[in-house]
Amino acid sequence: MFVRKKSAGGELVFVVGKYKGRLVGDIIEEDPGYIRWMVENAELTRDQEFELESLLEDMGKDIFEV
């Protein structure tokens, strides 16, 4: 598992990798290509994949255009 819910605000946080401890929303802004890589290559649950894709959409980003 690469991400988990942060208890305080309910936000997703990376638990491993080069962005360990960082908010997923921040990385979407800084490095959306990394999120695309995660969706395509990481062992995510379907719920995690859906949530990452939803966050990208909410921020106006498309994982296939980053």
N, C-alpha and C. Protein backbone atom coordinates (compact mmCIF):
# COMPACT_ATOMS: atom_id res chain seq x y z
N MET A 1 0.84 -1.17 0.00
CA MET A 1 0.00 0.00 0.00
C MET A 1 0.89 1.24 0.00
N PHE A 2 0.62 2.13 -0.93
CA PHE A 2 1.44 3.32 -1.08
C PHE A 2 0.87 4.54 -0.36
N VAL A 3 -0.44 4.57 -0.18
CA VAL A 3 -1.07 5.72 0.45
C VAL A 3 -2.04 5.25 1.53
N ARG A 4 -2.30 6.15 2.47
CA ARG A 4 -3.29 5.88 3.51
C ARG A 4 -3.98 7.18 3.85
N LYS A 5 -5.09 7.07 4.53
CA LYS A 5 -5.82 8.25 4.98
C LYS A 5 -5.09 8.85 6.17
N LYS A 6 -4.90 10.14 6.12
CA LYS A 6 -4.34 10.85 7.26
C LYS A 6 -5.48 11.06 8.26
N SER A 7 -5.27 10.69 9.46
CA SER A 7 -6.35 10.70 10.44
C SER A 7 -6.92 12.09 10.71
N ALA A 8 -6.12 13.10 10.79
CA ALA A 8 -6.61 14.43 11.17
C ALA A 8 -7.60 15.01 10.17
N GLY A 9 -7.19 15.13 8.91
CA GLY A 9 -8.05 15.76 7.93
C GLY A 9 -8.67 14.80 6.94
N GLY A 10 -8.33 13.53 7.04
CA GLY A 10 -8.86 12.55 6.11
C GLY A 10 -8.20 12.60 4.74
N GLU A 11 -7.08 13.29 4.64
CA GLU A 11 -6.39 13.40 3.36
C GLU A 11 -5.49 12.19 3.13
N LEU A 12 -5.21 11.91 1.86
CA LEU A 12 -4.30 10.82 1.53
C LEU A 12 -2.86 11.26 1.70
N VAL A 13 -2.06 10.38 2.28
CA VAL A 13 -0.64 10.64 2.52
C VAL A 13 0.15 9.45 2.00
N PHE A 14 1.29 9.72 1.35
CA PHE A 14 2.17 8.64 0.92
C PHE A 14 2.85 8.03 2.13
N VAL A 15 2.92 6.70 2.17
CA VAL A 15 3.57 6.01 3.29
C VAL A 15 4.89 5.36 2.88
N VAL A 16 5.17 5.32 1.60
CA VAL A 16 6.45 4.80 1.09
C VAL A 16 6.84 5.62 -0.14
N GLY A 17 8.06 5.41 -0.58
CA GLY A 17 8.51 6.03 -1.82
C GLY A 17 9.14 7.40 -1.62
N LYS A 18 9.44 8.03 -2.73
CA LYS A 18 10.17 9.31 -2.67
C LYS A 18 9.35 10.44 -2.07
N TYR A 19 8.03 10.28 -1.97
CA TYR A 19 7.18 11.31 -1.38
C TYR A 19 6.58 10.87 -0.04
N LYS A 20 7.25 9.95 0.63
CA LYS A 20 6.78 9.44 1.91
C LYS A 20 6.51 10.59 2.88
N GLY A 21 5.30 10.54 3.49
CA GLY A 21 4.93 11.56 4.46
C GLY A 21 4.29 12.80 3.86
N ARG A 22 4.26 12.91 2.55
CA ARG A 22 3.70 14.09 1.87
C ARG A 22 2.25 13.84 1.49
N LEU A 23 1.47 14.91 1.45
CA LEU A 23 0.07 14.82 1.03
C LEU A 23 -0.01 14.55 -0.46
N VAL A 24 -0.90 13.64 -0.82
CA VAL A 24 -1.08 13.30 -2.23
C VAL A 24 -1.50 14.54 -3.02
N GLY A 25 -2.39 15.36 -2.46
CA GLY A 25 -2.82 16.58 -3.15
C GLY A 25 -1.67 17.51 -3.51
N ASP A 26 -0.67 17.59 -2.64
CA ASP A 26 0.50 18.42 -2.92
C ASP A 26 1.30 17.85 -4.09
N ILE A 27 1.43 16.54 -4.13
CA ILE A 27 2.22 15.90 -5.19
C ILE A 27 1.48 15.98 -6.52
N ILE A 28 0.15 15.95 -6.48
CA ILE A 28 -0.60 16.13 -7.72
C ILE A 28 -0.23 17.47 -8.36
N GLU A 29 -0.10 18.49 -7.53
CA GLU A 29 0.28 19.81 -8.05
C GLU A 29 1.74 19.84 -8.53
N GLU A 30 2.63 19.22 -7.76
CA GLU A 30 4.07 19.28 -8.06
C GLU A 30 4.51 18.28 -9.13
N ASP A 31 3.96 17.07 -9.10
CA ASP A 31 4.45 16.00 -9.98
C ASP A 31 3.30 15.07 -10.37
N PRO A 32 2.33 15.56 -11.17
CA PRO A 32 1.19 14.73 -11.51
C PRO A 32 1.57 13.46 -12.28
N GLY A 33 2.69 13.46 -12.96
CA GLY A 33 3.16 12.27 -13.66
C GLY A 33 3.44 11.12 -12.71
N TYR A 34 3.85 11.44 -11.50
CA TYR A 34 4.10 10.40 -10.49
C TYR A 34 2.79 9.72 -10.11
N ILE A 35 1.71 10.48 -10.03
CA ILE A 35 0.41 9.91 -9.72
C ILE A 35 -0.03 8.98 -10.84
N ARG A 36 0.18 9.41 -12.07
CA ARG A 36 -0.16 8.55 -13.21
C ARG A 36 0.64 7.25 -13.13
N TRP A 37 1.93 7.35 -12.84
CA TRP A 37 2.76 6.15 -12.71
C TRP A 37 2.19 5.24 -11.63
N MET A 38 1.79 5.81 -10.49
CA MET A 38 1.23 5.00 -9.41
C MET A 38 -0.02 4.26 -9.86
N VAL A 39 -0.92 4.97 -10.52
CA VAL A 39 -2.18 4.35 -10.95
C VAL A 39 -1.90 3.21 -11.92
N GLU A 40 -0.89 3.39 -12.78
CA GLU A 40 -0.59 2.38 -13.79
C GLU A 40 0.27 1.24 -13.27
N ASN A 41 1.11 1.48 -12.26
CA ASN A 41 2.12 0.49 -11.87
C ASN A 41 2.10 0.01 -10.43
N ALA A 42 1.59 0.80 -9.53
CA ALA A 42 1.64 0.43 -8.11
C ALA A 42 0.52 -0.53 -7.75
N GLU A 43 0.71 -1.23 -6.67
CA GLU A 43 -0.31 -2.16 -6.18
C GLU A 43 -1.28 -1.40 -5.29
N LEU A 44 -2.23 -0.73 -5.92
CA LEU A 44 -3.24 0.04 -5.21
C LEU A 44 -4.54 -0.74 -5.16
N THR A 45 -5.30 -0.51 -4.11
CA THR A 45 -6.64 -1.06 -4.10
C THR A 45 -7.46 -0.28 -5.12
N ARG A 46 -8.56 -0.83 -5.54
CA ARG A 46 -9.42 -0.11 -6.49
C ARG A 46 -9.91 1.19 -5.88
N ASP A 47 -10.19 1.19 -4.58
CA ASP A 47 -10.62 2.41 -3.90
C ASP A 47 -9.53 3.48 -3.93
N GLN A 48 -8.28 3.08 -3.69
CA GLN A 48 -7.17 4.04 -3.73
C GLN A 48 -7.00 4.59 -5.14
N GLU A 49 -7.07 3.73 -6.13
CA GLU A 49 -6.93 4.16 -7.51
C GLU A 49 -8.05 5.16 -7.86
N PHE A 50 -9.27 4.83 -7.47
CA PHE A 50 -10.40 5.71 -7.74
C PHE A 50 -10.21 7.06 -7.05
N GLU A 51 -9.76 7.04 -5.79
CA GLU A 51 -9.58 8.29 -5.06
C GLU A 51 -8.49 9.15 -5.68
N LEU A 52 -7.39 8.53 -6.11
CA LEU A 52 -6.33 9.30 -6.78
C LEU A 52 -6.85 9.91 -8.08
N GLU A 53 -7.58 9.13 -8.86
CA GLU A 53 -8.13 9.65 -10.11
C GLU A 53 -9.12 10.77 -9.84
N SER A 54 -9.92 10.65 -8.79
CA SER A 54 -10.88 11.69 -8.42
C SER A 54 -10.17 12.97 -7.99
N LEU A 55 -9.10 12.82 -7.20
CA LEU A 55 -8.33 14.00 -6.79
C LEU A 55 -7.76 14.73 -8.01
N LEU A 56 -7.23 13.97 -8.97
CA LEU A 56 -6.70 14.57 -10.18
C LEU A 56 -7.80 15.33 -10.94
N GLU A 57 -8.95 14.71 -11.07
CA GLU A 57 -10.06 15.36 -11.76
C GLU A 57 -10.48 16.63 -11.04
N ASP A 58 -10.58 16.57 -9.71
CA ASP A 58 -10.97 17.74 -8.92
C ASP A 58 -9.99 18.89 -9.10
N MET A 59 -8.73 18.55 -9.35
CA MET A 59 -7.70 19.57 -9.54
C MET A 59 -7.52 19.93 -11.01
N GLY A 60 -8.40 19.40 -11.86
CA GLY A 60 -8.35 19.74 -13.27
C GLY A 60 -7.25 19.04 -14.03
N LYS A 61 -6.81 17.90 -13.55
CA LYS A 61 -5.72 17.16 -14.20
C LYS A 61 -6.25 15.82 -14.68
N ASP A 62 -5.73 15.36 -15.80
CA ASP A 62 -6.11 14.07 -16.37
C ASP A 62 -4.86 13.20 -16.33
N ILE A 63 -4.95 12.00 -15.75
CA ILE A 63 -3.75 11.17 -15.60
C ILE A 63 -3.14 10.78 -16.94
N PHE A 64 -3.90 10.85 -18.00
CA PHE A 64 -3.36 10.47 -19.29
C PHE A 64 -2.83 11.66 -20.09
N GLU A 65 -2.92 12.86 -19.50
CA GLU A 65 -2.40 14.05 -20.16
C GLU A 65 -1.28 14.70 -19.39
N VAL A 66 -0.85 14.12 -18.26
CA VAL A 66 0.21 14.71 -17.47
C VAL A 66 1.55 14.21 -17.92
